[in-house]
Amino acid sequence: MPPSRKRPRSYDPARTRAAVLAQFGNVRDAVRTLAPAQLELPTRLGDWTVRDLVAHIGMALTAVHRALDRPAPPKQDARLTDWPFATAQNSAAIADFTRELAADHPDLDAYLDEIDASLRTLLDEHPGGRLLETDAGALPLAGYLVTRTVELVVHTDDLNAAVPGLDVPYDRQALAAATRLLADALAVKAPGGATEVRVPPFAVVQCVEGPRHTRGTPPNVVETDPLTWLRLATGRLTWAEAVGAAKVSASGERADLSALLPLLS
């Protein structure tokens, strides 16, 4: 049986910090290899080019800088699983800011190197319990860094999809944290115990209203791999596409998650 998600999942702050820095390092190493023509390639993110996408990846981390520049909220008033559902509200402003960043930082290598150095300094200066005001509400720094693994891993996948032959690696801990957060968000969106969603080797959650199984094989089971799960959860892949390509196995009358996805857009 998967663990109950009535209590929030815990994440080791040191491992999360290491995962964020490692995945950002993977992106920085890849960007250094890109030719000018590759930076102008289209991506699957509307009219963004690869250059815009890289600028946005940097922006996902400078969000930590901007949050730490503001006064700490008096108390935590949000859960980590609230974050995926709060991301769409500022999508237009984020797109505009991204394009401005790309235009203002023609030297992407220097831009990413500066972010890496300043982020390391900030994380050394501030404890993980320091509260930040985020789009989802007040969250501790250590928790907000978990959301940065989602940004980094998902946009690494976007980068790999945009540039033929590019194979930016995924830090295992970053991939695990991103997978778990979005799996838990599904359980929040569709509470229940009728369906078991398995994303080996990182996450198992129960969701969807209906009869709860207590032993043996659940009557409704969904299983997929981490990257496919992240693509489904963020709208990069539809449920029908994933099932049609045998990227998802789904058995049982409550195993169709199409109405619940995507979680984050």
C-alpha atoms as a PDB file:
ATOM      1  CA  MET A   1       0.000   0.000   0.000  1.00  0.00           C
ATOM      2  CA  PRO A   2       1.316   3.487  -0.758  1.00  0.00           C
ATOM      3  CA  PRO A   3       1.833   5.834   2.175  1.00  0.00           C
ATOM      4  CA  SER A   4      -1.030   8.108   3.161  1.00  0.00           C
ATOM      5  CA  ARG A   5      -0.776  11.620   1.740  1.00  0.00           C
ATOM      6  CA  LYS A   6      -2.897  13.041   4.561  1.00  0.00           C
ATOM      7  CA  ARG A   7       0.421  14.080   6.058  1.00  0.00           C
ATOM      8  CA  PRO A   8       2.680  16.100   3.762  1.00  0.00           C
ATOM      9  CA  ARG A   9       5.580  14.222   2.237  1.00  0.00           C
ATOM     10  CA  SER A  10       8.915  15.282   3.668  1.00  0.00           C
ATOM     11  CA  TYR A  11      11.939  16.206   1.569  1.00  0.00           C
ATOM     12  CA  ASP A  12      15.513  16.313   2.805  1.00  0.00           C
ATOM     13  CA  PRO A  13      16.619  19.973   2.444  1.00  0.00           C
ATOM     14  CA  ALA A  14      20.261  19.149   1.773  1.00  0.00           C
ATOM     15  CA  ARG A  15      19.378  16.657  -0.957  1.00  0.00           C
ATOM     16  CA  THR A  16      16.902  19.066  -2.526  1.00  0.00           C
ATOM     17  CA  ARG A  17      19.468  21.855  -2.601  1.00  0.00           C
ATOM     18  CA  ALA A  18      22.033  19.524  -4.155  1.00  0.00           C
ATOM     19  CA  ALA A  19      19.475  18.380  -6.725  1.00  0.00           C
ATOM     20  CA  VAL A  20      18.604  21.934  -7.781  1.00  0.00           C
ATOM     21  CA  LEU A  21      22.242  22.903  -8.183  1.00  0.00           C
ATOM     22  CA  ALA A  22      23.084  19.660 -10.004  1.00  0.00           C
ATOM     23  CA  GLN A  23      20.256  19.957 -12.520  1.00  0.00           C
ATOM     24  CA  PHE A  24      21.006  23.608 -13.134  1.00  0.00           C
ATOM     25  CA  GLY A  25      24.626  22.593 -13.692  1.00  0.00           C
ATOM     26  CA  ASN A  26      23.480  20.060 -16.295  1.00  0.00           C
ATOM     27  CA  VAL A  27      21.600  22.813 -18.117  1.00  0.00           C
ATOM     28  CA  ARG A  28      24.546  25.230 -17.947  1.00  0.00           C
ATOM     29  CA  ASP A  29      26.895  22.608 -19.381  1.00  0.00           C
ATOM     30  CA  ALA A  30      24.492  21.941 -22.261  1.00  0.00           C
ATOM     31  CA  VAL A  31      23.894  25.604 -23.071  1.00  0.00           C
ATOM     32  CA  ARG A  32      27.646  26.121 -23.481  1.00  0.00           C
ATOM     33  CA  THR A  33      27.567  23.669 -26.391  1.00  0.00           C
ATOM     34  CA  LEU A  34      24.764  25.372 -28.312  1.00  0.00           C
ATOM     35  CA  ALA A  35      25.552  27.237 -31.505  1.00  0.00           C
ATOM     36  CA  PRO A  36      23.822  30.581 -32.242  1.00  0.00           C
ATOM     37  CA  ALA A  37      21.527  28.892 -34.773  1.00  0.00           C
ATOM     38  CA  GLN A  38      20.438  26.319 -32.180  1.00  0.00           C
ATOM     39  CA  LEU A  39      19.477  29.090 -29.758  1.00  0.00           C
ATOM     40  CA  GLU A  40      17.012  30.372 -32.351  1.00  0.00           C
ATOM     41  CA  LEU A  41      15.268  27.017 -32.813  1.00  0.00           C
ATOM     42  CA  PRO A  42      11.556  26.859 -31.924  1.00  0.00           C
ATOM     43  CA  THR A  43      10.355  25.013 -28.830  1.00  0.00           C
ATOM     44  CA  ARG A  44       7.069  23.336 -27.940  1.00  0.00           C
ATOM     45  CA  LEU A  45       6.269  26.350 -25.707  1.00  0.00           C
ATOM     46  CA  GLY A  46       4.309  28.589 -28.033  1.00  0.00           C
ATOM     47  CA  ASP A  47       6.503  31.151 -29.762  1.00  0.00           C
ATOM     48  CA  TRP A  48       9.474  30.719 -27.430  1.00  0.00           C
ATOM     49  CA  THR A  49      12.839  29.993 -28.978  1.00  0.00           C
ATOM     50  CA  VAL A  50      15.539  27.958 -27.271  1.00  0.00           C
ATOM     51  CA  ARG A  51      17.085  31.256 -26.183  1.00  0.00           C
ATOM     52  CA  ASP A  52      13.801  32.238 -24.510  1.00  0.00           C
ATOM     53  CA  LEU A  53      13.578  28.830 -22.865  1.00  0.00           C
ATOM     54  CA  VAL A  54      17.091  29.094 -21.425  1.00  0.00           C
ATOM     55  CA  ALA A  55      16.322  32.587 -20.127  1.00  0.00           C
ATOM     56  CA  HIS A  56      13.207  31.190 -18.464  1.00  0.00           C
ATOM     57  CA  ILE A  57      15.163  28.395 -16.790  1.00  0.00           C
ATOM     58  CA  GLY A  58      17.387  31.060 -15.282  1.00  0.00           C
ATOM     59  CA  MET A  59      14.322  33.018 -14.226  1.00  0.00           C
ATOM     60  CA  ALA A  60      12.949  29.962 -12.422  1.00  0.00           C
ATOM     61  CA  LEU A  61      15.937  30.161 -10.087  1.00  0.00           C
ATOM     62  CA  THR A  62      16.079  33.936  -9.745  1.00  0.00           C
ATOM     63  CA  ALA A  63      12.551  33.575  -8.371  1.00  0.00           C
ATOM     64  CA  VAL A  64      14.341  32.436  -5.214  1.00  0.00           C
ATOM     65  CA  HIS A  65      16.389  35.642  -5.242  1.00  0.00           C
ATOM     66  CA  ARG A  66      13.297  37.803  -5.685  1.00  0.00           C
ATOM     67  CA  ALA A  67      11.417  36.024  -2.916  1.00  0.00           C
ATOM     68  CA  LEU A  68      14.309  36.410  -0.483  1.00  0.00           C
ATOM     69  CA  ASP A  69      14.492  40.119  -1.264  1.00  0.00           C
ATOM     70  CA  ARG A  70      10.987  40.554   0.138  1.00  0.00           C
ATOM     71  CA  PRO A  71      10.098  40.529   3.853  1.00  0.00           C
ATOM     72  CA  ALA A  72       9.371  37.095   5.290  1.00  0.00           C
ATOM     73  CA  PRO A  73       5.643  36.366   5.743  1.00  0.00           C
ATOM     74  CA  PRO A  74       4.511  36.045   9.366  1.00  0.00           C
ATOM     75  CA  LYS A  75       3.457  32.416   9.015  1.00  0.00           C
ATOM     76  CA  GLN A  76       3.190  29.587   6.505  1.00  0.00           C
ATOM     77  CA  ASP A  77      -0.254  29.538   4.932  1.00  0.00           C
ATOM     78  CA  ALA A  78       0.231  27.177   1.986  1.00  0.00           C
ATOM     79  CA  ARG A  79       1.132  23.566   1.344  1.00  0.00           C
ATOM     80  CA  LEU A  80       3.732  22.462  -1.126  1.00  0.00           C
ATOM     81  CA  THR A  81       1.023  20.701  -3.154  1.00  0.00           C
ATOM     82  CA  ASP A  82      -0.762  24.054  -3.609  1.00  0.00           C
ATOM     83  CA  TRP A  83       2.041  25.269  -5.864  1.00  0.00           C
ATOM     84  CA  PRO A  84       1.197  23.340  -9.075  1.00  0.00           C
ATOM     85  CA  PHE A  85      -2.293  24.825  -9.124  1.00  0.00           C
ATOM     86  CA  ALA A  86      -1.066  28.412  -8.702  1.00  0.00           C
ATOM     87  CA  THR A  87       1.316  28.500 -11.659  1.00  0.00           C
ATOM     88  CA  ALA A  88      -1.131  29.421 -14.426  1.00  0.00           C
ATOM     89  CA  GLN A  89      -2.326  32.696 -12.905  1.00  0.00           C
ATOM     90  CA  ASN A  90       0.781  34.640 -13.942  1.00  0.00           C
ATOM     91  CA  SER A  91       1.519  32.875 -17.227  1.00  0.00           C
ATOM     92  CA  ALA A  92       1.166  35.981 -19.427  1.00  0.00           C
ATOM     93  CA  ALA A  93       3.427  38.081 -17.210  1.00  0.00           C
ATOM     94  CA  ILE A  94       5.976  35.269 -17.037  1.00  0.00           C
ATOM     95  CA  ALA A  95       6.052  34.991 -20.836  1.00  0.00           C
ATOM     96  CA  ASP A  96       6.652  38.728 -21.225  1.00  0.00           C
ATOM     97  CA  PHE A  97       9.360  38.754 -18.556  1.00  0.00           C
ATOM     98  CA  THR A  98      11.037  35.763 -20.175  1.00  0.00           C
ATOM     99  CA  ARG A  99      11.311  37.486 -23.540  1.00  0.00           C
ATOM    100  CA  GLU A 100      12.721  40.619 -21.885  1.00  0.00           C
ATOM    101  CA  LEU A 101      15.328  38.539 -20.076  1.00  0.00           C
ATOM    102  CA  ALA A 102      16.370  36.809 -23.281  1.00  0.00           C
ATOM    103  CA  ALA A 103      16.804  40.163 -25.013  1.00  0.00           C
ATOM    104  CA  ASP A 104      18.693  41.698 -22.078  1.00  0.00           C
ATOM    105  CA  HIS A 105      21.145  38.778 -21.687  1.00  0.00           C
ATOM    106  CA  PRO A 106      22.682  37.925 -25.049  1.00  0.00           C
ATOM    107  CA  ASP A 107      25.520  36.100 -23.265  1.00  0.00           C
ATOM    108  CA  LEU A 108      23.563  33.208 -21.806  1.00  0.00           C
ATOM    109  CA  ASP A 109      26.652  31.485 -20.401  1.00  0.00           C
ATOM    110  CA  ALA A 110      27.503  34.521 -18.276  1.00  0.00           C
ATOM    111  CA  TYR A 111      23.845  34.926 -17.269  1.00  0.00           C
ATOM    112  CA  LEU A 112      23.564  31.345 -16.005  1.00  0.00           C
ATOM    113  CA  ASP A 113      26.969  31.430 -14.301  1.00  0.00           C
ATOM    114  CA  GLU A 114      25.968  34.556 -12.392  1.00  0.00           C
ATOM    115  CA  ILE A 115      22.714  32.952 -11.259  1.00  0.00           C
ATOM    116  CA  ASP A 116      24.523  29.840 -10.063  1.00  0.00           C
ATOM    117  CA  ALA A 117      27.045  31.826  -8.008  1.00  0.00           C
ATOM    118  CA  SER A 118      24.444  34.108  -6.443  1.00  0.00           C
ATOM    119  CA  LEU A 119      22.070  31.241  -5.671  1.00  0.00           C
ATOM    120  CA  ARG A 120      24.779  29.312  -3.855  1.00  0.00           C
ATOM    121  CA  THR A 121      25.518  32.392  -1.758  1.00  0.00           C
ATOM    122  CA  LEU A 122      21.858  32.941  -0.912  1.00  0.00           C
ATOM    123  CA  LEU A 123      21.334  29.323   0.090  1.00  0.00           C
ATOM    124  CA  ASP A 124      24.368  29.521   2.365  1.00  0.00           C
ATOM    125  CA  GLU A 125      23.010  32.682   4.003  1.00  0.00           C
ATOM    126  CA  HIS A 126      19.399  31.661   4.579  1.00  0.00           C
ATOM    127  CA  PRO A 127      18.033  28.693   6.562  1.00  0.00           C
ATOM    128  CA  GLY A 128      15.630  26.294   4.921  1.00  0.00           C
ATOM    129  CA  GLY A 129      12.881  27.357   7.277  1.00  0.00           C
ATOM    130  CA  ARG A 130      12.945  30.962   6.112  1.00  0.00           C
ATOM    131  CA  LEU A 131       9.456  31.742   4.793  1.00  0.00           C
ATOM    132  CA  LEU A 132       8.959  33.088   1.272  1.00  0.00           C
ATOM    133  CA  GLU A 133       5.945  34.702  -0.338  1.00  0.00           C
ATOM    134  CA  THR A 134       5.197  32.622  -3.453  1.00  0.00           C
ATOM    135  CA  ASP A 135       2.366  32.453  -5.984  1.00  0.00           C
ATOM    136  CA  ALA A 136       0.854  29.663  -3.887  1.00  0.00           C
ATOM    137  CA  GLY A 137       1.232  31.506  -0.568  1.00  0.00           C
ATOM    138  CA  ALA A 138       3.854  31.484   2.162  1.00  0.00           C
ATOM    139  CA  LEU A 139       6.194  28.475   1.942  1.00  0.00           C
ATOM    140  CA  PRO A 140       9.553  27.716   3.558  1.00  0.00           C
ATOM    141  CA  LEU A 141      12.639  28.074   1.390  1.00  0.00           C
ATOM    142  CA  ALA A 142      13.371  24.336   1.635  1.00  0.00           C
ATOM    143  CA  GLY A 143       9.909  23.548   0.289  1.00  0.00           C
ATOM    144  CA  TYR A 144      10.077  26.153  -2.453  1.00  0.00           C
ATOM    145  CA  LEU A 145      13.293  24.554  -3.700  1.00  0.00           C
ATOM    146  CA  VAL A 146      11.296  21.377  -4.339  1.00  0.00           C
ATOM    147  CA  THR A 147       9.170  23.369  -6.788  1.00  0.00           C
ATOM    148  CA  ARG A 148      12.384  24.447  -8.514  1.00  0.00           C
ATOM    149  CA  THR A 149      13.145  20.797  -9.291  1.00  0.00           C
ATOM    150  CA  VAL A 150       9.876  20.667 -11.237  1.00  0.00           C
ATOM    151  CA  GLU A 151      10.802  23.793 -13.203  1.00  0.00           C
ATOM    152  CA  LEU A 152      14.291  22.520 -13.932  1.00  0.00           C
ATOM    153  CA  VAL A 153      13.404  18.957 -14.904  1.00  0.00           C
ATOM    154  CA  VAL A 154      10.377  19.875 -17.015  1.00  0.00           C
ATOM    155  CA  HIS A 155      12.259  22.589 -18.887  1.00  0.00           C
ATOM    156  CA  THR A 156      15.275  20.332 -19.342  1.00  0.00           C
ATOM    157  CA  ASP A 157      12.887  17.991 -21.132  1.00  0.00           C
ATOM    158  CA  ASP A 158      11.653  20.941 -23.226  1.00  0.00           C
ATOM    159  CA  LEU A 159      15.258  21.764 -24.117  1.00  0.00           C
ATOM    160  CA  ASN A 160      16.020  18.196 -25.140  1.00  0.00           C
ATOM    161  CA  ALA A 161      12.891  18.123 -27.279  1.00  0.00           C
ATOM    162  CA  ALA A 162      13.804  21.379 -29.035  1.00  0.00           C
ATOM    163  CA  VAL A 163      17.427  20.682 -29.968  1.00  0.00           C
ATOM    164  CA  PRO A 164      18.048  17.570 -32.081  1.00  0.00           C
ATOM    165  CA  GLY A 165      20.799  15.428 -30.607  1.00  0.00           C
ATOM    166  CA  LEU A 166      20.912  17.302 -27.303  1.00  0.00           C
ATOM    167  CA  ASP A 167      20.753  14.942 -24.352  1.00  0.00           C
ATOM    168  CA  VAL A 168      20.869  16.968 -21.155  1.00  0.00           C
ATOM    169  CA  PRO A 169      20.962  14.466 -18.277  1.00  0.00           C
ATOM    170  CA  TYR A 170      18.494  14.438 -15.401  1.00  0.00           C
ATOM    171  CA  ASP A 171      19.796  14.468 -11.863  1.00  0.00           C
ATOM    172  CA  ARG A 172      18.172  11.483 -10.153  1.00  0.00           C
ATOM    173  CA  GLN A 173      17.199  13.370  -7.001  1.00  0.00           C
ATOM    174  CA  ALA A 174      15.760  16.277  -9.003  1.00  0.00           C
ATOM    175  CA  LEU A 175      13.708  13.877 -11.116  1.00  0.00           C
ATOM    176  CA  ALA A 176      12.510  12.074  -7.992  1.00  0.00           C
ATOM    177  CA  ALA A 177      11.421  15.253  -6.205  1.00  0.00           C
ATOM    178  CA  ALA A 178       9.608  16.600  -9.260  1.00  0.00           C
ATOM    179  CA  THR A 179       7.825  13.289  -9.818  1.00  0.00           C
ATOM    180  CA  ARG A 180       6.724  13.017  -6.199  1.00  0.00           C
ATOM    181  CA  LEU A 181       5.429  16.570  -5.924  1.00  0.00           C
ATOM    182  CA  LEU A 182       3.241  16.250  -9.006  1.00  0.00           C
ATOM    183  CA  ALA A 183       2.027  12.784  -7.990  1.00  0.00           C
ATOM    184  CA  ASP A 184       0.999  14.177  -4.610  1.00  0.00           C
ATOM    185  CA  ALA A 185      -0.718  17.082  -6.369  1.00  0.00           C
ATOM    186  CA  LEU A 186      -2.837  14.572  -8.289  1.00  0.00           C
ATOM    187  CA  ALA A 187      -3.881  12.972  -5.000  1.00  0.00           C
ATOM    188  CA  VAL A 188      -4.895  16.423  -3.727  1.00  0.00           C
ATOM    189  CA  LYS A 189      -6.864  17.232  -6.878  1.00  0.00           C
ATOM    190  CA  ALA A 190      -8.693  13.891  -6.880  1.00  0.00           C
ATOM    191  CA  PRO A 191      -8.771  12.627  -3.287  1.00  0.00           C
ATOM    192  CA  GLY A 192      -9.765   9.034  -2.733  1.00  0.00           C
ATOM    193  CA  GLY A 193      -8.440   5.522  -2.737  1.00  0.00           C
ATOM    194  CA  ALA A 194      -9.996   3.847  -5.754  1.00  0.00           C
ATOM    195  CA  THR A 195      -7.033   4.230  -8.100  1.00  0.00           C
ATOM    196  CA  GLU A 196      -3.363   3.591  -7.498  1.00  0.00           C
ATOM    197  CA  VAL A 197      -0.938   5.612  -9.602  1.00  0.00           C
ATOM    198  CA  ARG A 198       2.550   4.192  -9.794  1.00  0.00           C
ATOM    199  CA  VAL A 199       5.556   6.065 -11.159  1.00  0.00           C
ATOM    200  CA  PRO A 200       8.439   3.729 -10.383  1.00  0.00           C
ATOM    201  CA  PRO A 201      10.885   4.019  -8.844  1.00  0.00           C
ATOM    202  CA  PHE A 202       9.864   7.312  -7.250  1.00  0.00           C
ATOM    203  CA  ALA A 203       6.177   7.563  -6.372  1.00  0.00           C
ATOM    204  CA  VAL A 204       2.990   5.675  -5.599  1.00  0.00           C
ATOM    205  CA  VAL A 205      -0.191   7.521  -4.669  1.00  0.00           C
ATOM    206  CA  GLN A 206      -3.852   6.676  -4.270  1.00  0.00           C
ATOM    207  CA  CYS A 207      -6.508   8.969  -5.681  1.00  0.00           C
ATOM    208  CA  VAL A 208     -10.024   9.148  -7.186  1.00  0.00           C
ATOM    209  CA  GLU A 209     -13.234   8.634  -5.271  1.00  0.00           C
ATOM    210  CA  GLY A 210     -14.628   5.124  -5.077  1.00  0.00           C
ATOM    211  CA  PRO A 211     -14.143   1.862  -3.214  1.00  0.00           C
ATOM    212  CA  ARG A 212     -10.830   1.769  -1.388  1.00  0.00           C
ATOM    213  CA  HIS A 213      -8.873  -1.458  -1.611  1.00  0.00           C
ATOM    214  CA  THR A 214      -7.139  -2.725   1.523  1.00  0.00           C
ATOM    215  CA  ARG A 215      -5.119  -5.697   0.337  1.00  0.00           C
ATOM    216  CA  GLY A 216      -3.897  -7.404  -2.806  1.00  0.00           C
ATOM    217  CA  THR A 217      -3.750  -5.850  -6.253  1.00  0.00           C
ATOM    218  CA  PRO A 218      -5.844  -2.669  -6.553  1.00  0.00           C
ATOM    219  CA  PRO A 219      -8.750  -2.869  -9.044  1.00  0.00           C
ATOM    220  CA  ASN A 220      -7.657   0.354 -10.758  1.00  0.00           C
ATOM    221  CA  VAL A 221      -3.970   0.845 -11.522  1.00  0.00           C
ATOM    222  CA  VAL A 222      -2.086   3.389 -13.607  1.00  0.00           C
ATOM    223  CA  GLU A 223       1.637   2.990 -14.182  1.00  0.00           C
ATOM    224  CA  THR A 224       4.110   5.035 -16.171  1.00  0.00           C
ATOM    225  CA  ASP A 225       7.709   6.239 -16.107  1.00  0.00           C
ATOM    226  CA  PRO A 226       8.825   9.540 -14.504  1.00  0.00           C
ATOM    227  CA  LEU A 227       9.336  11.576 -17.676  1.00  0.00           C
ATOM    228  CA  THR A 228       6.026  10.473 -19.160  1.00  0.00           C
ATOM    229  CA  TRP A 229       4.327  11.374 -15.886  1.00  0.00           C
ATOM    230  CA  LEU A 230       5.877  14.841 -15.885  1.00  0.00           C
ATOM    231  CA  ARG A 231       4.812  15.378 -19.508  1.00  0.00           C
ATOM    232  CA  LEU A 232       1.254  14.341 -18.669  1.00  0.00           C
ATOM    233  CA  ALA A 233       1.133  16.453 -15.517  1.00  0.00           C
ATOM    234  CA  THR A 234       2.344  19.553 -17.367  1.00  0.00           C
ATOM    235  CA  GLY A 235       0.376  19.167 -20.583  1.00  0.00           C
ATOM    236  CA  ARG A 236       3.309  18.267 -22.820  1.00  0.00           C
ATOM    237  CA  LEU A 237       1.587  14.970 -23.586  1.00  0.00           C
ATOM    238  CA  THR A 238      -2.099  14.083 -23.606  1.00  0.00           C
ATOM    239  CA  TRP A 239      -3.524  11.027 -21.928  1.00  0.00           C
ATOM    240  CA  ALA A 240      -4.693   9.640 -25.272  1.00  0.00           C
ATOM    241  CA  GLU A 241      -1.225  10.108 -26.796  1.00  0.00           C
ATOM    242  CA  ALA A 242       0.471   8.401 -23.867  1.00  0.00           C
ATOM    243  CA  VAL A 243      -1.909   5.440 -23.846  1.00  0.00           C
ATOM    244  CA  GLY A 244      -1.749   5.133 -27.634  1.00  0.00           C
ATOM    245  CA  ALA A 245       2.052   5.044 -27.547  1.00  0.00           C
ATOM    246  CA  ALA A 246       2.031   2.478 -24.713  1.00  0.00           C
ATOM    247  CA  LYS A 247       3.733   4.978 -22.421  1.00  0.00           C
ATOM    248  CA  VAL A 248       1.030   4.394 -19.820  1.00  0.00           C
ATOM    249  CA  SER A 249      -0.632   1.208 -18.665  1.00  0.00           C
ATOM    250  CA  ALA A 250      -4.101   1.700 -17.204  1.00  0.00           C
ATOM    251  CA  SER A 251      -6.414  -1.024 -15.935  1.00  0.00           C
ATOM    252  CA  GLY A 252      -9.801  -0.688 -14.274  1.00  0.00           C
ATOM    253  CA  GLU A 253     -12.887   1.449 -14.829  1.00  0.00           C
ATOM    254  CA  ARG A 254     -11.446   4.320 -12.745  1.00  0.00           C
ATOM    255  CA  ALA A 255      -7.997   4.264 -14.335  1.00  0.00           C
ATOM    256  CA  ASP A 256      -8.671   6.940 -16.976  1.00  0.00           C
ATOM    257  CA  LEU A 257      -7.003  10.143 -15.704  1.00  0.00           C
ATOM    258  CA  SER A 258      -7.686  12.247 -18.796  1.00  0.00           C
ATOM    259  CA  ALA A 259     -10.171  14.493 -16.998  1.00  0.00           C
ATOM    260  CA  LEU A 260      -7.659  15.253 -14.236  1.00  0.00           C
ATOM    261  CA  LEU A 261      -4.681  16.211 -16.411  1.00  0.00           C
ATOM    262  CA  PRO A 262      -2.742  18.384 -16.810  1.00  0.00           C
ATOM    263  CA  LEU A 263      -2.094  19.548 -13.258  1.00  0.00           C
ATOM    264  CA  LEU A 264       0.304  22.337 -14.129  1.00  0.00           C
ATOM    265  CA  SER A 265       0.324  24.442 -17.284  1.00  0.00           C
END
